[in-house]
Amino acid sequence: GGVWETPSKAAVRRALTRPNDEEVCSEADAEV
């Protein structure tokens, strides 16, 4: 319905982590 209710902020951060990233995407980087 046009909305994604994400399971958690941590899940989004993991999903935004790319293979060449040295660590999981930070909450600050996800917010940016």
Full PDB file with SEQRES, HELIX, SHEET, SSBOND, CRYST1, ORIGX, SCALE, CONECT and MASTER records, all heavy atoms in Angstrom:
SEQRES   1 A   32  GLY GLY VAL TRP GLU THR PRO SER LYS ALA ALA VAL ARG          
SEQRES   2 A   32  ARG ALA LEU THR ARG PRO ASN ASP GLU GLU VAL CYS SER          
SEQRES   3 A   32  GLU ALA ASP ALA GLU VAL                                      
HELIX    1 AA1 LYS A    9  ALA A   15  1                                   7    
HELIX    2 AA2 GLU A   27  GLU A   31  1                                   5    
CRYST1    1.000    1.000    1.000  90.00  90.00  90.00 P 1           1          
ORIGX1      1.000000  0.000000  0.000000        0.00000                         
ORIGX2      0.000000  1.000000  0.000000        0.00000                         
ORIGX3      0.000000  0.000000  1.000000        0.00000                         
SCALE1      1.000000  0.000000  0.000000        0.00000                         
SCALE2      0.000000  1.000000  0.000000        0.00000                         
SCALE3      0.000000  0.000000  1.000000        0.00000                         
ATOM      1  N   GLY A   1       0.797  -1.223   0.000  1.00  0.00           N  
ATOM      2  CA  GLY A   1       0.000   0.000   0.000  1.00  0.00           C  
ATOM      3  C   GLY A   1       0.827   1.270   0.000  1.00  0.00           C  
ATOM      4  O   GLY A   1       0.445   2.260   0.604  1.00  0.00           O  
ATOM      5  N   GLY A   2       1.983   1.224  -0.648  1.00  0.00           N  
ATOM      6  CA  GLY A   2       2.832   2.401  -0.737  1.00  0.00           C  
ATOM      7  C   GLY A   2       3.772   2.599   0.431  1.00  0.00           C  
ATOM      8  O   GLY A   2       4.543   3.550   0.459  1.00  0.00           O  
ATOM      9  N   VAL A   3       3.703   1.689   1.422  1.00  0.00           N  
ATOM     10  CA  VAL A   3       4.498   1.836   2.637  1.00  0.00           C  
ATOM     11  C   VAL A   3       5.249   0.541   2.942  1.00  0.00           C  
ATOM     12  O   VAL A   3       4.707  -0.553   2.771  1.00  0.00           O  
ATOM     13  CB  VAL A   3       3.581   2.175   3.845  1.00  0.00           C  
ATOM     14  CG1 VAL A   3       4.364   2.253   5.138  1.00  0.00           C  
ATOM     15  CG2 VAL A   3       2.826   3.462   3.589  1.00  0.00           C  
ATOM     16  N   TRP A   4       6.493   0.671   3.391  1.00  0.00           N  
ATOM     17  CA  TRP A   4       7.241  -0.483   3.908  1.00  0.00           C  
ATOM     18  C   TRP A   4       7.456  -0.259   5.387  1.00  0.00           C  
ATOM     19  O   TRP A   4       8.197   0.627   5.798  1.00  0.00           O  
ATOM     20  CB  TRP A   4       8.572  -0.651   3.194  1.00  0.00           C  
ATOM     21  CG  TRP A   4       9.412  -1.793   3.728  1.00  0.00           C  
ATOM     22  CD1 TRP A   4       8.963  -2.941   4.303  1.00  0.00           C  
ATOM     23  CD2 TRP A   4      10.839  -1.890   3.730  1.00  0.00           C  
ATOM     24  NE1 TRP A   4      10.015  -3.759   4.654  1.00  0.00           N  
ATOM     25  CE2 TRP A   4      11.176  -3.126   4.320  1.00  0.00           C  
ATOM     26  CE3 TRP A   4      11.858  -1.055   3.295  1.00  0.00           C  
ATOM     27  CZ2 TRP A   4      12.501  -3.539   4.485  1.00  0.00           C  
ATOM     28  CZ3 TRP A   4      13.164  -1.475   3.463  1.00  0.00           C  
ATOM     29  CH2 TRP A   4      13.480  -2.702   4.030  1.00  0.00           C  
ATOM     30  N   GLU A   5       6.773  -1.037   6.187  1.00  0.00           N  
ATOM     31  CA  GLU A   5       6.992  -1.050   7.638  1.00  0.00           C  
ATOM     32  C   GLU A   5       8.151  -2.004   7.862  1.00  0.00           C  
ATOM     33  O   GLU A   5       7.988  -3.222   7.816  1.00  0.00           O  
ATOM     34  CB  GLU A   5       5.744  -1.532   8.375  1.00  0.00           C  
ATOM     35  CG  GLU A   5       4.510  -0.689   8.151  1.00  0.00           C  
ATOM     36  CD  GLU A   5       4.467   0.581   8.974  1.00  0.00           C  
ATOM     37  OE1 GLU A   5       5.324   0.755   9.875  1.00  0.00           O  
ATOM     38  OE2 GLU A   5       3.590   1.415   8.716  1.00  0.00           O  
ATOM     39  N   THR A   6       9.336  -1.463   8.086  1.00  0.00           N  
ATOM     40  CA  THR A   6      10.543  -2.280   8.169  1.00  0.00           C  
ATOM     41  C   THR A   6      10.557  -3.091   9.463  1.00  0.00           C  
ATOM     42  O   THR A   6       9.971  -2.676  10.463  1.00  0.00           O  
ATOM     43  CB  THR A   6      11.802  -1.400   8.092  1.00  0.00           C  
ATOM     44  OG1 THR A   6      11.875  -0.571   9.242  1.00  0.00           O  
ATOM     45  CG2 THR A   6      11.800  -0.540   6.844  1.00  0.00           C  
ATOM     46  N   PRO A   7      11.232  -4.251   9.457  1.00  0.00           N  
ATOM     47  CA  PRO A   7      11.273  -5.072  10.666  1.00  0.00           C  
ATOM     48  C   PRO A   7      12.018  -4.386  11.814  1.00  0.00           C  
ATOM     49  O   PRO A   7      11.652  -4.541  12.970  1.00  0.00           O  
ATOM     50  CB  PRO A   7      11.980  -6.349  10.236  1.00  0.00           C  
ATOM     51  CG  PRO A   7      12.557  -6.080   8.895  1.00  0.00           C  
ATOM     52  CD  PRO A   7      11.897  -4.878   8.330  1.00  0.00           C  
ATOM     53  N   SER A   8      13.068  -3.637  11.482  1.00  0.00           N  
ATOM     54  CA  SER A   8      13.849  -2.915  12.491  1.00  0.00           C  
ATOM     55  C   SER A   8      14.844  -2.005  11.786  1.00  0.00           C  
ATOM     56  O   SER A   8      15.135  -2.184  10.603  1.00  0.00           O  
ATOM     57  CB  SER A   8      14.611  -3.887  13.396  1.00  0.00           C  
ATOM     58  OG  SER A   8      15.621  -4.556  12.649  1.00  0.00           O  
ATOM     59  N   LYS A   9      15.363  -1.039  12.524  1.00  0.00           N  
ATOM     60  CA  LYS A   9      16.407  -0.186  11.964  1.00  0.00           C  
ATOM     61  C   LYS A   9      17.637  -1.025  11.624  1.00  0.00           C  
ATOM     62  O   LYS A   9      18.295  -0.795  10.622  1.00  0.00           O  
ATOM     63  CB  LYS A   9      16.792   0.915  12.948  1.00  0.00           C  
ATOM     64  CG  LYS A   9      15.770   2.003  13.094  1.00  0.00           C  
ATOM     65  CD  LYS A   9      16.278   3.061  14.063  1.00  0.00           C  
ATOM     66  CE  LYS A   9      15.256   4.147  14.265  1.00  0.00           C  
ATOM     67  NZ  LYS A   9      15.761   5.175  15.197  1.00  0.00           N  
ATOM     68  N   ALA A  10      17.934  -1.995  12.481  1.00  0.00           N  
ATOM     69  CA  ALA A  10      19.106  -2.851  12.255  1.00  0.00           C  
ATOM     70  C   ALA A  10      18.968  -3.637  10.956  1.00  0.00           C  
ATOM     71  O   ALA A  10      19.946  -3.804  10.219  1.00  0.00           O  
ATOM     72  CB  ALA A  10      19.311  -3.795  13.434  1.00  0.00           C  
ATOM     73  N   ALA A  11      17.767  -4.098  10.648  1.00  0.00           N  
ATOM     74  CA  ALA A  11      17.543  -4.838   9.404  1.00  0.00           C  
ATOM     75  C   ALA A  11      17.792  -3.939   8.195  1.00  0.00           C  
ATOM     76  O   ALA A  11      18.393  -4.374   7.201  1.00  0.00           O  
ATOM     77  CB  ALA A  11      16.129  -5.407   9.368  1.00  0.00           C  
ATOM     78  N   VAL A  12      17.349  -2.700   8.283  1.00  0.00           N  
ATOM     79  CA  VAL A  12      17.576  -1.749   7.189  1.00  0.00           C  
ATOM     80  C   VAL A  12      19.071  -1.473   7.056  1.00  0.00           C  
ATOM     81  O   VAL A  12      19.611  -1.445   5.947  1.00  0.00           O  
ATOM     82  CB  VAL A  12      16.786  -0.441   7.421  1.00  0.00           C  
ATOM     83  CG1 VAL A  12      17.130   0.599   6.364  1.00  0.00           C  
ATOM     84  CG2 VAL A  12      15.295  -0.724   7.426  1.00  0.00           C  
ATOM     85  N   ARG A  13      19.745  -1.282   8.172  1.00  0.00           N  
ATOM     86  CA  ARG A  13      21.187  -1.022   8.140  1.00  0.00           C  
ATOM     87  C   ARG A  13      21.941  -2.193   7.497  1.00  0.00           C  
ATOM     88  O   ARG A  13      22.846  -1.983   6.692  1.00  0.00           O  
ATOM     89  CB  ARG A  13      21.701  -0.760   9.552  1.00  0.00           C  
ATOM     90  CG  ARG A  13      21.205   0.574  10.107  1.00  0.00           C  
ATOM     91  CD  ARG A  13      21.592   0.809  11.547  1.00  0.00           C  
ATOM     92  NE  ARG A  13      22.973   0.498  11.781  1.00  0.00           N  
ATOM     93  CZ  ARG A  13      23.423  -0.109  12.885  1.00  0.00           C  
ATOM     94  NH1 ARG A  13      22.595  -0.465  13.842  1.00  0.00           N  
ATOM     95  NH2 ARG A  13      24.702  -0.354  13.023  1.00  0.00           N  
ATOM     96  N   ARG A  14      21.562  -3.423   7.838  1.00  0.00           N  
ATOM     97  CA  ARG A  14      22.206  -4.598   7.218  1.00  0.00           C  
ATOM     98  C   ARG A  14      21.922  -4.635   5.724  1.00  0.00           C  
ATOM     99  O   ARG A  14      22.809  -4.936   4.923  1.00  0.00           O  
ATOM    100  CB  ARG A  14      21.743  -5.888   7.891  1.00  0.00           C  
ATOM    101  CG  ARG A  14      22.355  -6.136   9.253  1.00  0.00           C  
ATOM    102  CD  ARG A  14      22.048  -7.519   9.789  1.00  0.00           C  
ATOM    103  NE  ARG A  14      20.614  -7.787   9.888  1.00  0.00           N  
ATOM    104  CZ  ARG A  14      19.867  -7.505  10.950  1.00  0.00           C  
ATOM    105  NH1 ARG A  14      20.395  -6.940  12.008  1.00  0.00           N  
ATOM    106  NH2 ARG A  14      18.581  -7.794  10.960  1.00  0.00           N  
ATOM    107  N   ALA A  15      20.692  -4.314   5.332  1.00  0.00           N  
ATOM    108  CA  ALA A  15      20.314  -4.332   3.913  1.00  0.00           C  
ATOM    109  C   ALA A  15      21.062  -3.265   3.121  1.00  0.00           C  
ATOM    110  O   ALA A  15      21.297  -3.438   1.923  1.00  0.00           O  
ATOM    111  CB  ALA A  15      18.809  -4.144   3.767  1.00  0.00           C  
ATOM    112  N   LEU A  16      21.443  -2.176   3.774  1.00  0.00           N  
ATOM    113  CA  LEU A  16      22.174  -1.098   3.107  1.00  0.00           C  
ATOM    114  C   LEU A  16      23.683  -1.317   3.090  1.00  0.00           C  
ATOM    115  O   LEU A  16      24.417  -0.551   2.480  1.00  0.00           O  
ATOM    116  CB  LEU A  16      21.877   0.247   3.788  1.00  0.00           C  
ATOM    117  CG  LEU A  16      20.479   0.804   3.591  1.00  0.00           C  
ATOM    118  CD1 LEU A  16      20.293   2.065   4.430  1.00  0.00           C  
ATOM    119  CD2 LEU A  16      20.213   1.098   2.123  1.00  0.00           C  
ATOM    120  N   THR A  17      24.142  -2.371   3.753  1.00  0.00           N  
ATOM    121  CA  THR A  17      25.569  -2.666   3.787  1.00  0.00           C  
ATOM    122  C   THR A  17      25.988  -3.330   2.484  1.00  0.00           C  
ATOM    123  O   THR A  17      25.410  -4.325   2.065  1.00  0.00           O  
ATOM    124  CB  THR A  17      25.909  -3.577   4.984  1.00  0.00           C  
ATOM    125  OG1 THR A  17      25.485  -2.904   6.176  1.00  0.00           O  
ATOM    126  CG2 THR A  17      27.390  -3.868   5.046  1.00  0.00           C  
ATOM    127  N   ARG A  18      26.994  -2.746   1.850  1.00  0.00           N  
ATOM    128  CA  ARG A  18      27.474  -3.239   0.559  1.00  0.00           C  
ATOM    129  C   ARG A  18      28.703  -4.123   0.765  1.00  0.00           C  
ATOM    130  O   ARG A  18      29.373  -4.019   1.792  1.00  0.00           O  
ATOM    131  CB  ARG A  18      27.790  -2.044  -0.334  1.00  0.00           C  
ATOM    132  CG  ARG A  18      26.543  -1.172  -0.550  1.00  0.00           C  
ATOM    133  CD  ARG A  18      26.845   0.206  -0.999  1.00  0.00           C  
ATOM    134  NE  ARG A  18      27.681   0.895  -0.023  1.00  0.00           N  
ATOM    135  CZ  ARG A  18      27.904   2.193  -0.009  1.00  0.00           C  
ATOM    136  NH1 ARG A  18      27.350   2.964  -0.913  1.00  0.00           N  
ATOM    137  NH2 ARG A  18      28.667   2.761   0.901  1.00  0.00           N  
ATOM    138  N   PRO A  19      29.002  -5.002  -0.180  1.00  0.00           N  
ATOM    139  CA  PRO A  19      30.112  -5.946  -0.013  1.00  0.00           C  
ATOM    140  C   PRO A  19      31.460  -5.305   0.319  1.00  0.00           C  
ATOM    141  O   PRO A  19      32.225  -5.871   1.086  1.00  0.00           O  
ATOM    142  CB  PRO A  19      30.176  -6.673  -1.357  1.00  0.00           C  
ATOM    143  CG  PRO A  19      28.812  -6.567  -1.907  1.00  0.00           C  
ATOM    144  CD  PRO A  19      28.291  -5.233  -1.439  1.00  0.00           C  
ATOM    145  N   ASN A  20      31.740  -4.128  -0.214  1.00  0.00           N  
ATOM    146  CA  ASN A  20      33.037  -3.498   0.041  1.00  0.00           C  
ATOM    147  C   ASN A  20      33.054  -2.642   1.300  1.00  0.00           C  
ATOM    148  O   ASN A  20      34.101  -2.094   1.647  1.00  0.00           O  
ATOM    149  CB  ASN A  20      33.480  -2.662  -1.165  1.00  0.00           C  
ATOM    150  CG  ASN A  20      33.820  -3.540  -2.349  1.00  0.00           C  
ATOM    151  OD1 ASN A  20      34.194  -4.696  -2.193  1.00  0.00           O  
ATOM    152  ND2 ASN A  20      33.693  -3.002  -3.541  1.00  0.00           N  
ATOM    153  N   ASP A  21      31.924  -2.511   1.965  1.00  0.00           N  
ATOM    154  CA  ASP A  21      31.887  -1.767   3.229  1.00  0.00           C  
ATOM    155  C   ASP A  21      32.623  -2.581   4.284  1.00  0.00           C  
ATOM    156  O   ASP A  21      32.486  -3.797   4.348  1.00  0.00           O  
ATOM    157  CB  ASP A  21      30.444  -1.514   3.677  1.00  0.00           C  
ATOM    158  CG  ASP A  21      29.690  -0.575   2.749  1.00  0.00           C  
ATOM    159  OD1 ASP A  21      30.343   0.183   2.009  1.00  0.00           O  
ATOM    160  OD2 ASP A  21      28.447  -0.614   2.774  1.00  0.00           O  
ATOM    161  N   GLU A  22      33.400  -1.890   5.111  1.00  0.00           N  
ATOM    162  CA  GLU A  22      34.183  -2.603   6.121  1.00  0.00           C  
ATOM    163  C   GLU A  22      33.343  -3.049   7.309  1.00  0.00           C  
ATOM    164  O   GLU A  22      33.706  -3.981   8.014  1.00  0.00           O  
ATOM    165  CB  GLU A  22      35.354  -1.737   6.570  1.00  0.00           C  
ATOM    166  CG  GLU A  22      36.364  -1.545   5.443  1.00  0.00           C  
ATOM    167  CD  GLU A  22      37.590  -0.776   5.874  1.00  0.00           C  
ATOM    168  OE1 GLU A  22      37.820  -0.630   7.084  1.00  0.00           O  
ATOM    169  OE2 GLU A  22      38.307  -0.337   4.967  1.00  0.00           O  
ATOM    170  N   GLU A  23      32.226  -2.378   7.551  1.00  0.00           N  
ATOM    171  CA  GLU A  23      31.334  -2.773   8.635  1.00  0.00           C  
ATOM    172  C   GLU A  23      29.895  -2.454   8.244  1.00  0.00           C  
ATOM    173  O   GLU A  23      29.648  -1.818   7.225  1.00  0.00           O  
ATOM    174  CB  GLU A  23      31.719  -2.088   9.943  1.00  0.00           C  
ATOM    175  CG  GLU A  23      31.978  -0.617   9.843  1.00  0.00           C  
ATOM    176  CD  GLU A  23      32.591  -0.068  11.122  1.00  0.00           C  
ATOM    177  OE1 GLU A  23      33.657  -0.523  11.541  1.00  0.00           O  
ATOM    178  OE2 GLU A  23      31.957   0.832  11.677  1.00  0.00           O  
ATOM    179  N   VAL A  24      28.976  -2.896   9.070  1.00  0.00           N  
ATOM    180  CA  VAL A  24      27.552  -2.675   8.799  1.00  0.00           C  
ATOM    181  C   VAL A  24      27.285  -1.176   8.729  1.00  0.00           C  
ATOM    182  O   VAL A  24      27.854  -0.388   9.491  1.00  0.00           O  
ATOM    183  CB  VAL A  24      26.693  -3.328   9.904  1.00  0.00           C  
ATOM    184  CG1 VAL A  24      25.221  -2.972   9.739  1.00  0.00           C  
ATOM    185  CG2 VAL A  24      26.866  -4.835   9.893  1.00  0.00           C  
ATOM    186  N   CYS A  25      26.434  -0.795   7.828  1.00  0.00           N  
ATOM    187  CA  CYS A  25      26.027   0.604   7.659  1.00  0.00           C  
ATOM    188  C   CYS A  25      25.595   1.169   9.015  1.00  0.00           C  
ATOM    189  O   CYS A  25      24.775   0.569   9.716  1.00  0.00           O  
ATOM    190  CB  CYS A  25      24.873   0.667   6.656  1.00  0.00           C  
ATOM    191  SG  CYS A  25      24.163   2.304   6.409  1.00  0.00           S  
ATOM    192  N   SER A  26      26.142   2.312   9.377  1.00  0.00           N  
ATOM    193  CA  SER A  26      25.787   2.924  10.660  1.00  0.00           C  
ATOM    194  C   SER A  26      24.382   3.522  10.585  1.00  0.00           C  
ATOM    195  O   SER A  26      23.854   3.787   9.490  1.00  0.00           O  
ATOM    196  CB  SER A  26      26.786   4.019  11.019  1.00  0.00           C  
ATOM    197  OG  SER A  26      26.639   5.120  10.142  1.00  0.00           O  
ATOM    198  N   GLU A  27      23.802   3.747  11.744  1.00  0.00           N  
ATOM    199  CA  GLU A  27      22.477   4.369  11.763  1.00  0.00           C  
ATOM    200  C   GLU A  27      22.551   5.773  11.163  1.00  0.00           C  
ATOM    201  O   GLU A  27      21.651   6.196  10.438  1.00  0.00           O  
ATOM    202  CB  GLU A  27      21.923   4.425  13.183  1.00  0.00           C  
ATOM    203  CG  GLU A  27      20.491   4.914  13.213  1.00  0.00           C  
ATOM    204  CD  GLU A  27      19.800   4.709  14.546  1.00  0.00           C  
ATOM    205  OE1 GLU A  27      20.276   3.923  15.373  1.00  0.00           O  
ATOM    206  OE2 GLU A  27      18.760   5.361  14.734  1.00  0.00           O  
ATOM    207  N   ALA A  28      23.640   6.483  11.429  1.00  0.00           N  
ATOM    208  CA  ALA A  28      23.805   7.833  10.877  1.00  0.00           C  
ATOM    209  C   ALA A  28      23.858   7.789   9.355  1.00  0.00           C  
ATOM    210  O   ALA A  28      23.225   8.617   8.680  1.00  0.00           O  
ATOM    211  CB  ALA A  28      25.067   8.483  11.439  1.00  0.00           C  
ATOM    212  N   ASP A  29      24.599   6.827   8.778  1.00  0.00           N  
ATOM    213  CA  ASP A  29      24.680   6.709   7.320  1.00  0.00           C  
ATOM    214  C   ASP A  29      23.335   6.303   6.724  1.00  0.00           C  
ATOM    215  O   ASP A  29      22.957   6.755   5.641  1.00  0.00           O  
ATOM    216  CB  ASP A  29      25.757   5.712   6.912  1.00  0.00           C  
ATOM    217  CG  ASP A  29      27.165   6.252   7.102  1.00  0.00           C  
ATOM    218  OD1 ASP A  29      27.328   7.496   7.187  1.00  0.00           O  
ATOM    219  OD2 ASP A  29      28.106   5.434   7.173  1.00  0.00           O  
ATOM    220  N   ALA A  30      22.592   5.452   7.423  1.00  0.00           N  
ATOM    221  CA  ALA A  30      21.259   5.058   6.959  1.00  0.00           C  
ATOM    222  C   ALA A  30      20.314   6.265   6.984  1.00  0.00           C  
ATOM    223  O   ALA A  30      19.530   6.468   6.053  1.00  0.00           O  
ATOM    224  CB  ALA A  30      20.709   3.924   7.814  1.00  0.00           C  
ATOM    225  N   GLU A  31      20.420   7.086   8.024  1.00  0.00           N  
ATOM    226  CA  GLU A  31      19.595   8.300   8.115  1.00  0.00           C  
ATOM    227  C   GLU A  31      19.944   9.278   6.988  1.00  0.00           C  
ATOM    228  O   GLU A  31      19.059   9.905   6.415  1.00  0.00           O  
ATOM    229  CB  GLU A  31      19.773   8.983   9.474  1.00  0.00           C  
ATOM    230  CG  GLU A  31      19.152   8.234  10.629  1.00  0.00           C  
ATOM    231  CD  GLU A  31      17.640   8.307  10.694  1.00  0.00           C  
ATOM    232  OE1 GLU A  31      17.016   9.077   9.932  1.00  0.00           O  
ATOM    233  OE2 GLU A  31      17.072   7.564  11.517  1.00  0.00           O  
ATOM    234  N   VAL A  32      21.237   9.399   6.660  1.00  0.00           N  
ATOM    235  CA  VAL A  32      21.653  10.266   5.557  1.00  0.00           C  
ATOM    236  C   VAL A  32      21.057   9.766   4.245  1.00  0.00           C  
ATOM    237  O   VAL A  32      20.553  10.555   3.437  1.00  0.00           O  
ATOM    238  CB  VAL A  32      23.193  10.361   5.479  1.00  0.00           C  
ATOM    239  CG1 VAL A  32      23.646  11.002   4.178  1.00  0.00           C  
ATOM    240  CG2 VAL A  32      23.736  11.137   6.671  1.00  0.00           C  
TER     241      VAL A  32                                                      
MASTER        0    0    0    2    0    0    0    6  240    1    0    3          
END                                                                             
